[in-house]
C-alpha atoms as a PDB file:
ATOM      1  CA  UNK A   1     -15.861  81.983  87.249  1.00  0.00           C
ATOM      2  CA  UNK A   2     -12.148  81.797  86.510  1.00  0.00           C
ATOM      3  CA  UNK A   3     -10.476  84.968  85.431  1.00  0.00           C
ATOM      4  CA  UNK A   4      -7.601  84.497  83.037  1.00  0.00           C
ATOM      5  CA  UNK A   5      -4.658  86.822  83.533  1.00  0.00           C
ATOM      6  CA  UNK A   6      -4.044  89.193  80.676  1.00  0.00           C
ATOM      7  CA  UNK A   7      -0.984  88.226  78.637  1.00  0.00           C
ATOM      8  CA  UNK A   8       1.847  90.656  78.345  1.00  0.00           C
ATOM      9  CA  UNK A   9       1.465  92.709  75.256  1.00  0.00           C
ATOM     10  CA  UNK A  10       5.098  93.610  74.876  1.00  0.00           C
ATOM     11  CA  UNK A  11       7.786  91.190  73.840  1.00  0.00           C
ATOM     12  CA  UNK A  12      11.221  92.692  74.132  1.00  0.00           C
ATOM     13  CA  UNK A  13      14.151  91.474  72.090  1.00  0.00           C
ATOM     14  CA  UNK A  14      15.703  90.101  75.270  1.00  0.00           C
ATOM     15  CA  UNK A  15      12.592  88.068  76.114  1.00  0.00           C
ATOM     16  CA  UNK A  16      12.382  86.749  72.555  1.00  0.00           C
ATOM     17  CA  UNK A  17      16.061  85.777  72.683  1.00  0.00           C
ATOM     18  CA  UNK A  18      15.473  83.947  75.983  1.00  0.00           C
ATOM     19  CA  UNK A  19      12.499  82.112  74.514  1.00  0.00           C
ATOM     20  CA  UNK A  20      14.497  81.226  71.413  1.00  0.00           C
ATOM     21  CA  UNK A  21      17.328  79.867  73.560  1.00  0.00           C
ATOM     22  CA  UNK A  22      14.886  77.745  75.598  1.00  0.00           C
ATOM     23  CA  UNK A  23      13.259  76.354  72.466  1.00  0.00           C
ATOM     24  CA  UNK A  24      16.653  75.579  70.905  1.00  0.00           C
ATOM     25  CA  UNK A  25      17.779  73.819  74.102  1.00  0.00           C
ATOM     26  CA  UNK A  26      14.560  71.816  74.206  1.00  0.00           C
ATOM     27  CA  UNK A  27      15.002  70.656  70.629  1.00  0.00           C
ATOM     28  CA  UNK A  28      18.662  69.785  71.267  1.00  0.00           C
ATOM     29  CA  UNK A  29      17.686  67.748  74.342  1.00  0.00           C
ATOM     30  CA  UNK A  30      14.968  65.961  72.411  1.00  0.00           C
ATOM     31  CA  UNK A  31      17.343  65.203  69.542  1.00  0.00           C
ATOM     32  CA  UNK A  32      19.889  63.742  71.971  1.00  0.00           C
ATOM     33  CA  UNK A  33      17.228  61.593  73.635  1.00  0.00           C
ATOM     34  CA  UNK A  34      16.096  60.264  70.251  1.00  0.00           C
ATOM     35  CA  UNK A  35      19.694  59.466  69.327  1.00  0.00           C
ATOM     36  CA  UNK A  36      20.109  57.507  72.574  1.00  0.00           C
ATOM     37  CA  UNK A  37      16.835  55.706  71.939  1.00  0.00           C
ATOM     38  CA  UNK A  38      17.924  54.764  68.415  1.00  0.00           C
ATOM     39  CA  UNK A  39      21.149  53.260  69.770  1.00  0.00           C
ATOM     40  CA  UNK A  40      19.236  51.264  72.402  1.00  0.00           C
ATOM     41  CA  UNK A  41      16.754  50.036  69.806  1.00  0.00           C
ATOM     42  CA  UNK A  42      19.504  48.949  67.401  1.00  0.00           C
ATOM     43  CA  UNK A  43      21.248  47.034  70.198  1.00  0.00           C
ATOM     44  CA  UNK A  44      17.971  45.388  71.164  1.00  0.00           C
ATOM     45  CA  UNK A  45      17.177  44.444  67.573  1.00  0.00           C
ATOM     46  CA  UNK A  46      20.668  42.966  67.185  1.00  0.00           C
ATOM     47  CA  UNK A  47      20.096  40.772  70.269  1.00  0.00           C
ATOM     48  CA  UNK A  48      16.709  39.652  68.951  1.00  0.00           C
ATOM     49  CA  UNK A  49      18.179  38.854  65.516  1.00  0.00           C
ATOM     50  CA  UNK A  50      20.922  36.761  67.158  1.00  0.00           C
ATOM     51  CA  UNK A  51      18.305  34.925  69.196  1.00  0.00           C
ATOM     52  CA  UNK A  52      16.214  34.238  66.098  1.00  0.00           C
ATOM     53  CA  UNK A  53      19.280  32.900  64.273  1.00  0.00           C
ATOM     54  CA  UNK A  54      20.092  30.528  67.144  1.00  0.00           C
ATOM     55  CA  UNK A  55      16.469  29.363  67.361  1.00  0.00           C
ATOM     56  CA  UNK A  56      16.419  28.736  63.614  1.00  0.00           C
ATOM     57  CA  UNK A  57      19.627  26.712  63.864  1.00  0.00           C
ATOM     58  CA  UNK A  58      18.130  24.646  66.683  1.00  0.00           C
ATOM     59  CA  UNK A  59      14.930  24.074  64.672  1.00  0.00           C
ATOM     60  CA  UNK A  60      16.947  22.870  61.657  1.00  0.00           C
ATOM     61  CA  UNK A  61      18.951  20.517  63.889  1.00  0.00           C
ATOM     62  CA  UNK A  62      15.766  19.116  65.437  1.00  0.00           C
ATOM     63  CA  UNK A  63      14.186  18.651  61.992  1.00  0.00           C
ATOM     64  CA  UNK A  64      17.292  16.823  60.759  1.00  0.00           C
ATOM     65  CA  UNK A  65      17.257  14.586  63.844  1.00  0.00           C
ATOM     66  CA  UNK A  66      13.581  13.784  63.318  1.00  0.00           C
ATOM     67  CA  UNK A  67      14.164  12.933  59.657  1.00  0.00           C
ATOM     68  CA  UNK A  68      17.028  10.648  60.696  1.00  0.00           C
ATOM     69  CA  UNK A  69      14.842   9.005  63.336  1.00  0.00           C
ATOM     70  CA  UNK A  70      12.029   8.420  60.862  1.00  0.00           C
ATOM     71  CA  UNK A  71      14.484   6.939  58.350  1.00  0.00           C
ATOM     72  CA  UNK A  72      15.891   4.618  61.037  1.00  0.00           C
ATOM     73  CA  UNK A  73      12.407   3.510  62.085  1.00  0.00           C
ATOM     74  CA  UNK A  74      11.456   2.822  58.478  1.00  0.00           C
ATOM     75  CA  UNK A  75      14.624   0.743  58.132  1.00  0.00           C
ATOM     76  CA  UNK A  76      13.752  -1.251  61.251  1.00  0.00           C
ATOM     77  CA  UNK A  77      10.187  -1.785  60.022  1.00  0.00           C
ATOM     78  CA  UNK A  78      11.456  -2.888  56.598  1.00  0.00           C
ATOM     79  CA  UNK A  79      13.892  -5.307  58.244  1.00  0.00           C
ATOM     80  CA  UNK A  80      11.141  -6.761  60.436  1.00  0.00           C
ATOM     81  CA  UNK A  81       8.830  -7.146  57.450  1.00  0.00           C
ATOM     82  CA  UNK A  82      11.649  -8.856  55.539  1.00  0.00           C
ATOM     83  CA  UNK A  83      12.318 -11.290  58.386  1.00  0.00           C
ATOM     84  CA  UNK A  84       8.638 -12.119  58.840  1.00  0.00           C
ATOM     85  CA  UNK A  85       7.978 -12.413  55.097  1.00  0.00           C
ATOM     86  CA  UNK A  86      10.679 -15.026  54.473  1.00  0.00           C
END
């Protein structure tokens, strides 16, 4: 059987002040870490957005090239049909 130590029953003003200081420091550290994390996340999102924009531009260029290729092929087919028909 484990025996739990009895907690101190008396909290002096000095001990409460020390605890308060530790809690305040912990919250300040956590706030600073969250601020750093927010900055890192914003930078990462900015890189991803730039990548998406470049991929979208490439996709539009490829689509335009394919449309041009299809139009050229249709022109060649129409010319061949015209030559064979007459």
